[in-house]
């Protein structure tokens, strides 16, 4: 028997059994979708929120644009990043990609 014969037999079988198997298959697809896509995305989002809320003055950061600098000032939604001597740029907190090292030398991201 090949796959075409199996499909034909399933279509000719009783209507109640095939309906139940269809519902079970859709439920399995939804579970796989949740555990493979949605749950990891929620976990990454929570880790990012934790990272952004743990920023403080003196942390060395990398922005989404690839600019390396050190946080010298903070406001509610923005950070002031010093990227060179006498060069400070204001960024949205959401533009920070990672914290490389805090001022006391520990690795964060």
PDB file of N, CA and C in Angstrom:
ATOM      1  N   UNK A   1       0.834  -1.191   0.000  1.00  0.00           N
ATOM      2  CA  UNK A   1       0.000   0.000   0.000  1.00  0.00           C
ATOM      3  C   UNK A   1       0.874   1.248   0.000  1.00  0.00           C
ATOM      4  N   UNK A   2       0.451   2.197  -0.766  1.00  0.00           N
ATOM      5  CA  UNK A   2       1.187   3.455  -0.762  1.00  0.00           C
ATOM      6  C   UNK A   2       0.336   4.524  -0.073  1.00  0.00           C
ATOM      7  N   UNK A   3       0.839   5.712  -0.027  1.00  0.00           N
ATOM      8  CA  UNK A   3       0.179   6.794   0.707  1.00  0.00           C
ATOM      9  C   UNK A   3      -1.153   7.185   0.081  1.00  0.00           C
ATOM     10  N   UNK A   4      -1.260   7.088  -1.228  1.00  0.00           N
ATOM     11  CA  UNK A   4      -2.504   7.444  -1.912  1.00  0.00           C
ATOM     12  C   UNK A   4      -3.612   6.482  -1.505  1.00  0.00           C
ATOM     13  N   UNK A   5      -3.291   5.180  -1.411  1.00  0.00           N
ATOM     14  CA  UNK A   5      -4.285   4.193  -0.976  1.00  0.00           C
ATOM     15  C   UNK A   5      -4.731   4.459   0.460  1.00  0.00           C
ATOM     16  N   UNK A   6      -3.789   4.830   1.335  1.00  0.00           N
ATOM     17  CA  UNK A   6      -4.138   5.123   2.725  1.00  0.00           C
ATOM     18  C   UNK A   6      -5.060   6.333   2.827  1.00  0.00           C
ATOM     19  N   UNK A   7      -4.800   7.361   2.041  1.00  0.00           N
ATOM     20  CA  UNK A   7      -5.649   8.553   2.051  1.00  0.00           C
ATOM     21  C   UNK A   7      -7.041   8.207   1.539  1.00  0.00           C
ATOM     22  N   UNK A   8      -7.110   7.412   0.483  1.00  0.00           N
ATOM     23  CA  UNK A   8      -8.403   7.015  -0.075  1.00  0.00           C
ATOM     24  C   UNK A   8      -9.206   6.201   0.938  1.00  0.00           C
ATOM     25  N   UNK A   9      -8.536   5.310   1.677  1.00  0.00           N
ATOM     26  CA  UNK A   9      -9.232   4.504   2.680  1.00  0.00           C
ATOM     27  C   UNK A   9      -9.740   5.377   3.822  1.00  0.00           C
ATOM     28  N   UNK A  10      -8.957   6.377   4.204  1.00  0.00           N
ATOM     29  CA  UNK A  10      -9.367   7.270   5.288  1.00  0.00           C
ATOM     30  C   UNK A  10     -10.580   8.094   4.881  1.00  0.00           C
ATOM     31  N   UNK A  11     -10.655   8.497   3.623  1.00  0.00           N
ATOM     32  CA  UNK A  11     -11.780   9.299   3.148  1.00  0.00           C
ATOM     33  C   UNK A  11     -13.045   8.451   3.034  1.00  0.00           C
ATOM     34  N   UNK A  12     -12.911   7.172   2.741  1.00  0.00           N
ATOM     35  CA  UNK A  12     -14.075   6.298   2.603  1.00  0.00           C
ATOM     36  C   UNK A  12     -14.576   5.808   3.956  1.00  0.00           C
ATOM     37  N   UNK A  13     -13.759   5.892   4.990  1.00  0.00           N
ATOM     38  CA  UNK A  13     -14.128   5.386   6.311  1.00  0.00           C
ATOM     39  C   UNK A  13     -15.268   6.192   6.913  1.00  0.00           C
ATOM     40  N   UNK A  14     -15.669   5.826   8.135  1.00  0.00           N
ATOM     41  CA  UNK A  14     -16.763   6.500   8.831  1.00  0.00           C
ATOM     42  C   UNK A  14     -16.470   7.970   9.056  1.00  0.00           C
ATOM     43  N   UNK A  15     -17.486   8.801   9.011  1.00  0.00           N
ATOM     44  CA  UNK A  15     -17.327  10.248   9.153  1.00  0.00           C
ATOM     45  C   UNK A  15     -16.922  10.661  10.549  1.00  0.00           C
ATOM     46  N   UNK A  16     -17.415   9.960  11.583  1.00  0.00           N
ATOM     47  CA  UNK A  16     -17.116  10.352  12.958  1.00  0.00           C
ATOM     48  C   UNK A  16     -15.658  10.166  13.304  1.00  0.00           C
ATOM     49  N   UNK A  17     -15.053   9.074  12.888  1.00  0.00           N
ATOM     50  CA  UNK A  17     -13.658   8.796  13.206  1.00  0.00           C
ATOM     51  C   UNK A  17     -12.710   9.761  12.524  1.00  0.00           C
ATOM     52  N   UNK A  18     -12.987  10.110  11.279  1.00  0.00           N
ATOM     53  CA  UNK A  18     -12.097  11.024  10.577  1.00  0.00           C
ATOM     54  C   UNK A  18     -12.224  12.444  11.126  1.00  0.00           C
ATOM     55  N   UNK A  19     -13.396  12.810  11.602  1.00  0.00           N
ATOM     56  CA  UNK A  19     -13.588  14.133  12.196  1.00  0.00           C
ATOM     57  C   UNK A  19     -12.781  14.248  13.490  1.00  0.00           C
ATOM     58  N   UNK A  20     -12.811  13.187  14.286  1.00  0.00           N
ATOM     59  CA  UNK A  20     -12.049  13.179  15.534  1.00  0.00           C
ATOM     60  C   UNK A  20     -10.556  13.253  15.259  1.00  0.00           C
ATOM     61  N   UNK A  21     -10.084  12.503  14.269  1.00  0.00           N
ATOM     62  CA  UNK A  21      -8.656  12.541  13.954  1.00  0.00           C
ATOM     63  C   UNK A  21      -8.247  13.909  13.414  1.00  0.00           C
ATOM     64  N   UNK A  22      -9.123  14.582  12.703  1.00  0.00           N
ATOM     65  CA  UNK A  22      -8.830  15.925  12.197  1.00  0.00           C
ATOM     66  C   UNK A  22      -8.690  16.911  13.352  1.00  0.00           C
ATOM     67  N   UNK A  23      -9.572  16.823  14.322  1.00  0.00           N
ATOM     68  CA  UNK A  23      -9.520  17.711  15.480  1.00  0.00           C
ATOM     69  C   UNK A  23      -8.243  17.447  16.278  1.00  0.00           C
ATOM     70  N   UNK A  24      -7.894  16.185  16.453  1.00  0.00           N
ATOM     71  CA  UNK A  24      -6.680  15.840  17.188  1.00  0.00           C
ATOM     72  C   UNK A  24      -5.449  16.376  16.452  1.00  0.00           C
ATOM     73  N   UNK A  25      -5.424  16.253  15.142  1.00  0.00           N
ATOM     74  CA  UNK A  25      -4.286  16.755  14.363  1.00  0.00           C
ATOM     75  C   UNK A  25      -4.151  18.276  14.484  1.00  0.00           C
ATOM     76  N   UNK A  26      -5.274  18.998  14.422  1.00  0.00           N
ATOM     77  CA  UNK A  26      -5.227  20.454  14.582  1.00  0.00           C
ATOM     78  C   UNK A  26      -4.746  20.830  15.983  1.00  0.00           C
ATOM     79  N   UNK A  27      -5.183  20.092  16.996  1.00  0.00           N
ATOM     80  CA  UNK A  27      -4.738  20.364  18.362  1.00  0.00           C
ATOM     81  C   UNK A  27      -3.234  20.138  18.487  1.00  0.00           C
ATOM     82  N   UNK A  28      -2.726  19.090  17.883  1.00  0.00           N
ATOM     83  CA  UNK A  28      -1.289  18.825  17.917  1.00  0.00           C
ATOM     84  C   UNK A  28      -0.507  19.924  17.205  1.00  0.00           C
ATOM     85  N   UNK A  29      -1.019  20.395  16.082  1.00  0.00           N
ATOM     86  CA  UNK A  29      -0.350  21.477  15.346  1.00  0.00           C
ATOM     87  C   UNK A  29      -0.314  22.749  16.184  1.00  0.00           C
ATOM     88  N   UNK A  30      -1.406  23.050  16.864  1.00  0.00           N
ATOM     89  CA  UNK A  30      -1.463  24.247  17.708  1.00  0.00           C
ATOM     90  C   UNK A  30      -0.487  24.122  18.871  1.00  0.00           C
ATOM     91  N   UNK A  31      -0.400  22.956  19.492  1.00  0.00           N
ATOM     92  CA  UNK A  31       0.549  22.748  20.593  1.00  0.00           C
ATOM     93  C   UNK A  31       1.993  22.889  20.118  1.00  0.00           C
ATOM     94  N   UNK A  32       2.296  22.309  18.982  1.00  0.00           N
ATOM     95  CA  UNK A  32       3.650  22.421  18.440  1.00  0.00           C
ATOM     96  C   UNK A  32       3.969  23.882  18.130  1.00  0.00           C
ATOM     97  N   UNK A  33       3.030  24.606  17.543  1.00  0.00           N
ATOM     98  CA  UNK A  33       3.210  26.022  17.239  1.00  0.00           C
ATOM     99  C   UNK A  33       3.487  26.812  18.515  1.00  0.00           C
ATOM    100  N   UNK A  34       2.739  26.529  19.578  1.00  0.00           N
ATOM    101  CA  UNK A  34       2.911  27.243  20.843  1.00  0.00           C
ATOM    102  C   UNK A  34       4.297  26.992  21.428  1.00  0.00           C
ATOM    103  N   UNK A  35       4.696  25.720  21.516  1.00  0.00           N
ATOM    104  CA  UNK A  35       5.958  25.398  22.167  1.00  0.00           C
ATOM    105  C   UNK A  35       7.183  25.696  21.307  1.00  0.00           C
ATOM    106  N   UNK A  36       7.040  25.766  20.001  1.00  0.00           N
ATOM    107  CA  UNK A  36       8.189  26.029  19.145  1.00  0.00           C
ATOM    108  C   UNK A  36       8.348  27.510  18.803  1.00  0.00           C
ATOM    109  N   UNK A  37       7.265  28.290  18.817  1.00  0.00           N
ATOM    110  CA  UNK A  37       7.348  29.680  18.375  1.00  0.00           C
ATOM    111  C   UNK A  37       6.932  30.666  19.464  1.00  0.00           C
ATOM    112  N   UNK A  38       5.748  30.538  19.989  1.00  0.00           N
ATOM    113  CA  UNK A  38       5.224  31.549  20.908  1.00  0.00           C
ATOM    114  C   UNK A  38       5.952  31.572  22.252  1.00  0.00           C
ATOM    115  N   UNK A  39       6.140  30.428  22.868  1.00  0.00           N
ATOM    116  CA  UNK A  39       6.753  30.387  24.194  1.00  0.00           C
ATOM    117  C   UNK A  39       8.193  30.894  24.180  1.00  0.00           C
ATOM    118  N   UNK A  40       9.046  30.466  23.242  1.00  0.00           N
ATOM    119  CA  UNK A  40      10.409  31.024  23.217  1.00  0.00           C
ATOM    120  C   UNK A  40      10.430  32.534  22.974  1.00  0.00           C
ATOM    121  N   UNK A  41       9.514  33.038  22.147  1.00  0.00           N
ATOM    122  CA  UNK A  41       9.453  34.471  21.894  1.00  0.00           C
ATOM    123  C   UNK A  41       9.094  35.230  23.170  1.00  0.00           C
ATOM    124  N   UNK A  42       8.150  34.712  23.944  1.00  0.00           N
ATOM    125  CA  UNK A  42       7.778  35.359  25.201  1.00  0.00           C
ATOM    126  C   UNK A  42       8.949  35.345  26.180  1.00  0.00           C
ATOM    127  N   UNK A  43       9.708  34.257  26.195  1.00  0.00           N
ATOM    128  CA  UNK A  43      10.857  34.156  27.084  1.00  0.00           C
ATOM    129  C   UNK A  43      11.928  35.174  26.704  1.00  0.00           C
ATOM    130  N   UNK A  44      12.227  35.307  25.399  1.00  0.00           N
ATOM    131  CA  UNK A  44      13.209  36.302  24.947  1.00  0.00           C
ATOM    132  C   UNK A  44      12.755  37.718  25.285  1.00  0.00           C
ATOM    133  N   UNK A  45      11.455  37.998  25.135  1.00  0.00           N
ATOM    134  CA  UNK A  45      10.941  39.327  25.426  1.00  0.00           C
ATOM    135  C   UNK A  45      11.090  39.651  26.911  1.00  0.00           C
ATOM    136  N   UNK A  46      10.826  38.687  27.767  1.00  0.00           N
ATOM    137  CA  UNK A  46      10.962  38.902  29.211  1.00  0.00           C
ATOM    138  C   UNK A  46      12.429  39.133  29.582  1.00  0.00           C
ATOM    139  N   UNK A  47      13.357  38.375  28.970  1.00  0.00           N
ATOM    140  CA  UNK A  47      14.781  38.578  29.227  1.00  0.00           C
ATOM    141  C   UNK A  47      15.232  39.959  28.776  1.00  0.00           C
ATOM    142  N   UNK A  48      14.717  40.430  27.647  1.00  0.00           N
ATOM    143  CA  UNK A  48      15.080  41.760  27.140  1.00  0.00           C
ATOM    144  C   UNK A  48      14.582  42.855  28.075  1.00  0.00           C
ATOM    145  N   UNK A  49      13.346  42.704  28.574  1.00  0.00           N
ATOM    146  CA  UNK A  49      12.812  43.686  29.520  1.00  0.00           C
ATOM    147  C   UNK A  49      13.655  43.728  30.788  1.00  0.00           C
ATOM    148  N   UNK A  50      14.096  42.569  31.256  1.00  0.00           N
ATOM    149  CA  UNK A  50      14.954  42.512  32.437  1.00  0.00           C
ATOM    150  C   UNK A  50      16.279  43.200  32.170  1.00  0.00           C
ATOM    151  N   UNK A  51      16.860  42.954  30.993  1.00  0.00           N
ATOM    152  CA  UNK A  51      18.121  43.584  30.615  1.00  0.00           C
ATOM    153  C   UNK A  51      17.984  45.103  30.594  1.00  0.00           C
ATOM    154  N   UNK A  52      16.926  45.604  29.952  1.00  0.00           N
ATOM    155  CA  UNK A  52      16.749  47.056  29.838  1.00  0.00           C
ATOM    156  C   UNK A  52      16.472  47.709  31.186  1.00  0.00           C
ATOM    157  N   UNK A  53      15.777  47.007  32.060  1.00  0.00           N
ATOM    158  CA  UNK A  53      15.488  47.599  33.370  1.00  0.00           C
ATOM    159  C   UNK A  53      16.694  47.551  34.307  1.00  0.00           C
ATOM    160  N   UNK A  54      17.687  46.705  34.002  1.00  0.00           N
ATOM    161  CA  UNK A  54      18.854  46.591  34.882  1.00  0.00           C
ATOM    162  C   UNK A  54      19.987  47.535  34.483  1.00  0.00           C
ATOM    163  N   UNK A  55      19.801  48.344  33.429  1.00  0.00           N
ATOM    164  CA  UNK A  55      20.853  49.276  33.012  1.00  0.00           C
ATOM    165  C   UNK A  55      21.074  50.342  34.081  1.00  0.00           C
ATOM    166  N   UNK A  56      22.342  50.738  34.210  1.00  0.00           N
ATOM    167  CA  UNK A  56      22.662  51.809  35.152  1.00  0.00           C
ATOM    168  C   UNK A  56      23.850  52.601  34.618  1.00  0.00           C
ATOM    169  N   UNK A  57      24.098  53.752  35.215  1.00  0.00           N
ATOM    170  CA  UNK A  57      25.237  54.577  34.794  1.00  0.00           C
ATOM    171  C   UNK A  57      26.523  53.774  34.938  1.00  0.00           C
ATOM    172  N   UNK A  58      27.397  53.955  33.963  1.00  0.00           N
ATOM    173  CA  UNK A  58      28.678  53.267  33.991  1.00  0.00           C
ATOM    174  C   UNK A  58      28.700  51.972  33.208  1.00  0.00           C
ATOM    175  N   UNK A  59      27.531  51.434  32.822  1.00  0.00           N
ATOM    176  CA  UNK A  59      27.487  50.200  32.040  1.00  0.00           C
ATOM    177  C   UNK A  59      27.976  50.474  30.618  1.00  0.00           C
ATOM    178  N   UNK A  60      28.755  49.540  30.086  1.00  0.00           N
ATOM    179  CA  UNK A  60      29.171  49.627  28.691  1.00  0.00           C
ATOM    180  C   UNK A  60      28.121  48.898  27.863  1.00  0.00           C
ATOM    181  N   UNK A  61      27.663  49.552  26.794  1.00  0.00           N
ATOM    182  CA  UNK A  61      26.557  49.015  26.003  1.00  0.00           C
ATOM    183  C   UNK A  61      26.905  49.000  24.522  1.00  0.00           C
ATOM    184  N   UNK A  62      26.138  48.181  23.792  1.00  0.00           N
ATOM    185  CA  UNK A  62      26.192  48.164  22.333  1.00  0.00           C
ATOM    186  C   UNK A  62      24.773  48.450  21.856  1.00  0.00           C
ATOM    187  N   UNK A  63      24.629  49.417  20.946  1.00  0.00           N
ATOM    188  CA  UNK A  63      23.303  49.761  20.436  1.00  0.00           C
ATOM    189  C   UNK A  63      22.939  48.846  19.278  1.00  0.00           C
ATOM    190  N   UNK A  64      21.685  48.915  18.852  1.00  0.00           N
ATOM    191  CA  UNK A  64      21.238  48.125  17.708  1.00  0.00           C
ATOM    192  C   UNK A  64      21.977  48.504  16.438  1.00  0.00           C
ATOM    193  N   UNK A  65      22.467  49.718  16.363  1.00  0.00           N
ATOM    194  CA  UNK A  65      23.233  50.169  15.211  1.00  0.00           C
ATOM    195  C   UNK A  65      24.699  49.767  15.269  1.00  0.00           C
ATOM    196  N   UNK A  66      25.125  49.151  16.356  1.00  0.00           N
ATOM    197  CA  UNK A  66      26.501  48.693  16.483  1.00  0.00           C
ATOM    198  C   UNK A  66      27.432  49.681  17.155  1.00  0.00           C
ATOM    199  N   UNK A  67      26.897  50.752  17.714  1.00  0.00           N
ATOM    200  CA  UNK A  67      27.716  51.755  18.371  1.00  0.00           C
ATOM    201  C   UNK A  67      28.032  51.293  19.789  1.00  0.00           C
ATOM    202  N   UNK A  68      29.316  51.318  20.153  1.00  0.00           N
ATOM    203  CA  UNK A  68      29.754  50.958  21.498  1.00  0.00           C
ATOM    204  C   UNK A  68      29.929  52.229  22.310  1.00  0.00           C
ATOM    205  N   UNK A  69      29.502  52.182  23.557  1.00  0.00           N
ATOM    206  CA  UNK A  69      29.664  53.345  24.408  1.00  0.00           C
ATOM    207  C   UNK A  69      29.383  53.010  25.856  1.00  0.00           C
ATOM    208  N   UNK A  70      29.392  54.055  26.696  1.00  0.00           N
ATOM    209  CA  UNK A  70      29.152  53.878  28.118  1.00  0.00           C
ATOM    210  C   UNK A  70      28.012  54.800  28.539  1.00  0.00           C
ATOM    211  N   UNK A  71      27.122  54.278  29.354  1.00  0.00           N
ATOM    212  CA  UNK A  71      25.984  55.071  29.825  1.00  0.00           C
ATOM    213  C   UNK A  71      26.488  56.106  30.823  1.00  0.00           C
ATOM    214  N   UNK A  72      26.181  57.383  30.545  1.00  0.00           N
ATOM    215  CA  UNK A  72      26.569  58.459  31.454  1.00  0.00           C
ATOM    216  C   UNK A  72      25.357  59.181  32.028  1.00  0.00           C
ATOM    217  N   UNK A  73      24.174  58.911  31.513  1.00  0.00           N
ATOM    218  CA  UNK A  73      22.966  59.530  32.034  1.00  0.00           C
ATOM    219  C   UNK A  73      21.753  58.710  31.645  1.00  0.00           C
ATOM    220  N   UNK A  74      20.723  58.774  32.478  1.00  0.00           N
ATOM    221  CA  UNK A  74      19.508  58.013  32.209  1.00  0.00           C
ATOM    222  C   UNK A  74      18.282  58.850  32.515  1.00  0.00           C
ATOM    223  N   UNK A  75      17.260  58.676  31.694  1.00  0.00           N
ATOM    224  CA  UNK A  75      15.939  59.236  31.941  1.00  0.00           C
ATOM    225  C   UNK A  75      14.958  58.079  31.877  1.00  0.00           C
ATOM    226  N   UNK A  76      13.673  58.380  31.900  1.00  0.00           N
ATOM    227  CA  UNK A  76      12.667  57.320  31.934  1.00  0.00           C
ATOM    228  C   UNK A  76      12.724  56.431  30.690  1.00  0.00           C
ATOM    229  N   UNK A  77      12.782  57.045  29.494  1.00  0.00           N
ATOM    230  CA  UNK A  77      12.771  56.270  28.255  1.00  0.00           C
ATOM    231  C   UNK A  77      14.037  56.394  27.430  1.00  0.00           C
ATOM    232  N   UNK A  78      14.979  57.211  27.872  1.00  0.00           N
ATOM    233  CA  UNK A  78      16.196  57.429  27.089  1.00  0.00           C
ATOM    234  C   UNK A  78      17.426  57.234  27.955  1.00  0.00           C
ATOM    235  N   UNK A  79      18.555  56.988  27.275  1.00  0.00           N
ATOM    236  CA  UNK A  79      19.847  56.919  27.944  1.00  0.00           C
ATOM    237  C   UNK A  79      20.823  57.815  27.189  1.00  0.00           C
ATOM    238  N   UNK A  80      21.740  58.394  27.914  1.00  0.00           N
ATOM    239  CA  UNK A  80      22.787  59.224  27.321  1.00  0.00           C
ATOM    240  C   UNK A  80      24.045  58.371  27.280  1.00  0.00           C
ATOM    241  N   UNK A  81      24.532  58.110  26.066  1.00  0.00           N
ATOM    242  CA  UNK A  81      25.670  57.213  25.869  1.00  0.00           C
ATOM    243  C   UNK A  81      26.861  58.021  25.390  1.00  0.00           C
ATOM    244  N   UNK A  82      27.980  57.887  26.092  1.00  0.00           N
ATOM    245  CA  UNK A  82      29.214  58.539  25.675  1.00  0.00           C
ATOM    246  C   UNK A  82      29.945  57.571  24.763  1.00  0.00           C
ATOM    247  N   UNK A  83      30.168  57.994  23.504  1.00  0.00           N
ATOM    248  CA  UNK A  83      30.806  57.106  22.540  1.00  0.00           C
ATOM    249  C   UNK A  83      32.263  57.502  22.276  1.00  0.00           C
ATOM    250  N   UNK A  84      32.654  58.684  22.699  1.00  0.00           N
ATOM    251  CA  UNK A  84      34.045  59.142  22.598  1.00  0.00           C
ATOM    252  C   UNK A  84      34.212  60.306  23.571  1.00  0.00           C
ATOM    253  N   UNK A  85      35.426  60.775  23.695  1.00  0.00           N
ATOM    254  CA  UNK A  85      35.680  61.910  24.580  1.00  0.00           C
ATOM    255  C   UNK A  85      34.854  63.113  24.119  1.00  0.00           C
ATOM    256  N   UNK A  86      34.061  63.684  24.988  1.00  0.00           N
ATOM    257  CA  UNK A  86      33.201  64.837  24.717  1.00  0.00           C
ATOM    258  C   UNK A  86      32.152  64.578  23.631  1.00  0.00           C
ATOM    259  N   UNK A  87      31.816  63.313  23.364  1.00  0.00           N
ATOM    260  CA  UNK A  87      30.776  62.978  22.392  1.00  0.00           C
ATOM    261  C   UNK A  87      29.732  62.119  23.101  1.00  0.00           C
ATOM    262  N   UNK A  88      28.556  62.703  23.295  1.00  0.00           N
ATOM    263  CA  UNK A  88      27.470  61.990  23.967  1.00  0.00           C
ATOM    264  C   UNK A  88      26.257  61.975  23.050  1.00  0.00           C
ATOM    265  N   UNK A  89      25.588  60.819  22.985  1.00  0.00           N
ATOM    266  CA  UNK A  89      24.438  60.650  22.113  1.00  0.00           C
ATOM    267  C   UNK A  89      23.282  60.122  22.956  1.00  0.00           C
ATOM    268  N   UNK A  90      22.095  60.664  22.714  1.00  0.00           N
ATOM    269  CA  UNK A  90      20.917  60.217  23.444  1.00  0.00           C
ATOM    270  C   UNK A  90      20.208  59.136  22.622  1.00  0.00           C
ATOM    271  N   UNK A  91      19.949  57.987  23.235  1.00  0.00           N
ATOM    272  CA  UNK A  91      19.271  56.860  22.598  1.00  0.00           C
ATOM    273  C   UNK A  91      18.025  56.483  23.384  1.00  0.00           C
ATOM    274  N   UNK A  92      17.058  55.925  22.676  1.00  0.00           N
ATOM    275  CA  UNK A  92      15.931  55.284  23.352  1.00  0.00           C
ATOM    276  C   UNK A  92      16.456  54.037  24.052  1.00  0.00           C
ATOM    277  N   UNK A  93      15.880  53.690  25.176  1.00  0.00           N
ATOM    278  CA  UNK A  93      16.322  52.477  25.865  1.00  0.00           C
ATOM    279  C   UNK A  93      16.129  51.238  24.990  1.00  0.00           C
ATOM    280  N   UNK A  94      15.108  51.251  24.161  1.00  0.00           N
ATOM    281  CA  UNK A  94      14.851  50.100  23.301  1.00  0.00           C
ATOM    282  C   UNK A  94      15.909  49.940  22.214  1.00  0.00           C
ATOM    283  N   UNK A  95      16.766  50.949  21.994  1.00  0.00           N
ATOM    284  CA  UNK A  95      17.816  50.867  20.987  1.00  0.00           C
ATOM    285  C   UNK A  95      19.078  50.201  21.520  1.00  0.00           C
ATOM    286  N   UNK A  96      19.086  49.824  22.786  1.00  0.00           N
ATOM    287  CA  UNK A  96      20.241  49.148  23.365  1.00  0.00           C
ATOM    288  C   UNK A  96      20.114  47.655  23.078  1.00  0.00           C
ATOM    289  N   UNK A  97      21.119  47.106  22.392  1.00  0.00           N
ATOM    290  CA  UNK A  97      21.086  45.686  22.035  1.00  0.00           C
ATOM    291  C   UNK A  97      21.602  44.811  23.166  1.00  0.00           C
ATOM    292  N   UNK A  98      22.696  45.227  23.796  1.00  0.00           N
ATOM    293  CA  UNK A  98      23.244  44.414  24.878  1.00  0.00           C
ATOM    294  C   UNK A  98      24.107  45.266  25.795  1.00  0.00           C
ATOM    295  N   UNK A  99      24.291  44.752  26.983  1.00  0.00           N
ATOM    296  CA  UNK A  99      25.194  45.363  27.956  1.00  0.00           C
ATOM    297  C   UNK A  99      26.422  44.465  27.987  1.00  0.00           C
ATOM    298  N   UNK A 100      27.585  45.013  27.599  1.00  0.00           N
ATOM    299  CA  UNK A 100      28.772  44.167  27.523  1.00  0.00           C
ATOM    300  C   UNK A 100      29.434  43.990  28.872  1.00  0.00           C
ATOM    301  N   UNK A 101      29.660  45.065  29.591  1.00  0.00           N
ATOM    302  CA  UNK A 101      30.256  44.981  30.918  1.00  0.00           C
ATOM    303  C   UNK A 101      29.762  46.139  31.752  1.00  0.00           C
ATOM    304  N   UNK A 102      29.538  45.897  33.013  1.00  0.00           N
ATOM    305  CA  UNK A 102      29.204  47.020  33.890  1.00  0.00           C
ATOM    306  C   UNK A 102      30.523  47.654  34.346  1.00  0.00           C
ATOM    307  N   UNK A 103      30.435  48.740  35.051  1.00  0.00           N
ATOM    308  CA  UNK A 103      31.625  49.468  35.450  1.00  0.00           C
ATOM    309  C   UNK A 103      32.513  48.665  36.402  1.00  0.00           C
ATOM    310  N   UNK A 104      31.946  47.687  37.122  1.00  0.00           N
ATOM    311  CA  UNK A 104      32.760  46.889  38.038  1.00  0.00           C
ATOM    312  C   UNK A 104      33.317  45.628  37.395  1.00  0.00           C
ATOM    313  N   UNK A 105      33.132  45.452  36.069  1.00  0.00           N
ATOM    314  CA  UNK A 105      33.814  44.404  35.335  1.00  0.00           C
ATOM    315  C   UNK A 105      33.071  43.099  35.130  1.00  0.00           C
ATOM    316  N   UNK A 106      31.859  42.954  35.601  1.00  0.00           N
ATOM    317  CA  UNK A 106      31.144  41.685  35.426  1.00  0.00           C
ATOM    318  C   UNK A 106      30.471  41.631  34.062  1.00  0.00           C
ATOM    319  N   UNK A 107      30.398  40.429  33.476  1.00  0.00           N
ATOM    320  CA  UNK A 107      29.730  40.233  32.178  1.00  0.00           C
ATOM    321  C   UNK A 107      28.236  40.191  32.383  1.00  0.00           C
ATOM    322  N   UNK A 108      27.478  40.871  31.492  1.00  0.00           N
ATOM    323  CA  UNK A 108      26.020  40.844  31.582  1.00  0.00           C
ATOM    324  C   UNK A 108      25.359  40.216  30.389  1.00  0.00           C
ATOM    325  N   UNK A 109      25.845  40.479  29.197  1.00  0.00           N
ATOM    326  CA  UNK A 109      25.186  39.924  28.005  1.00  0.00           C
ATOM    327  C   UNK A 109      26.189  39.552  26.945  1.00  0.00           C
TER     328      UNK A 109
END
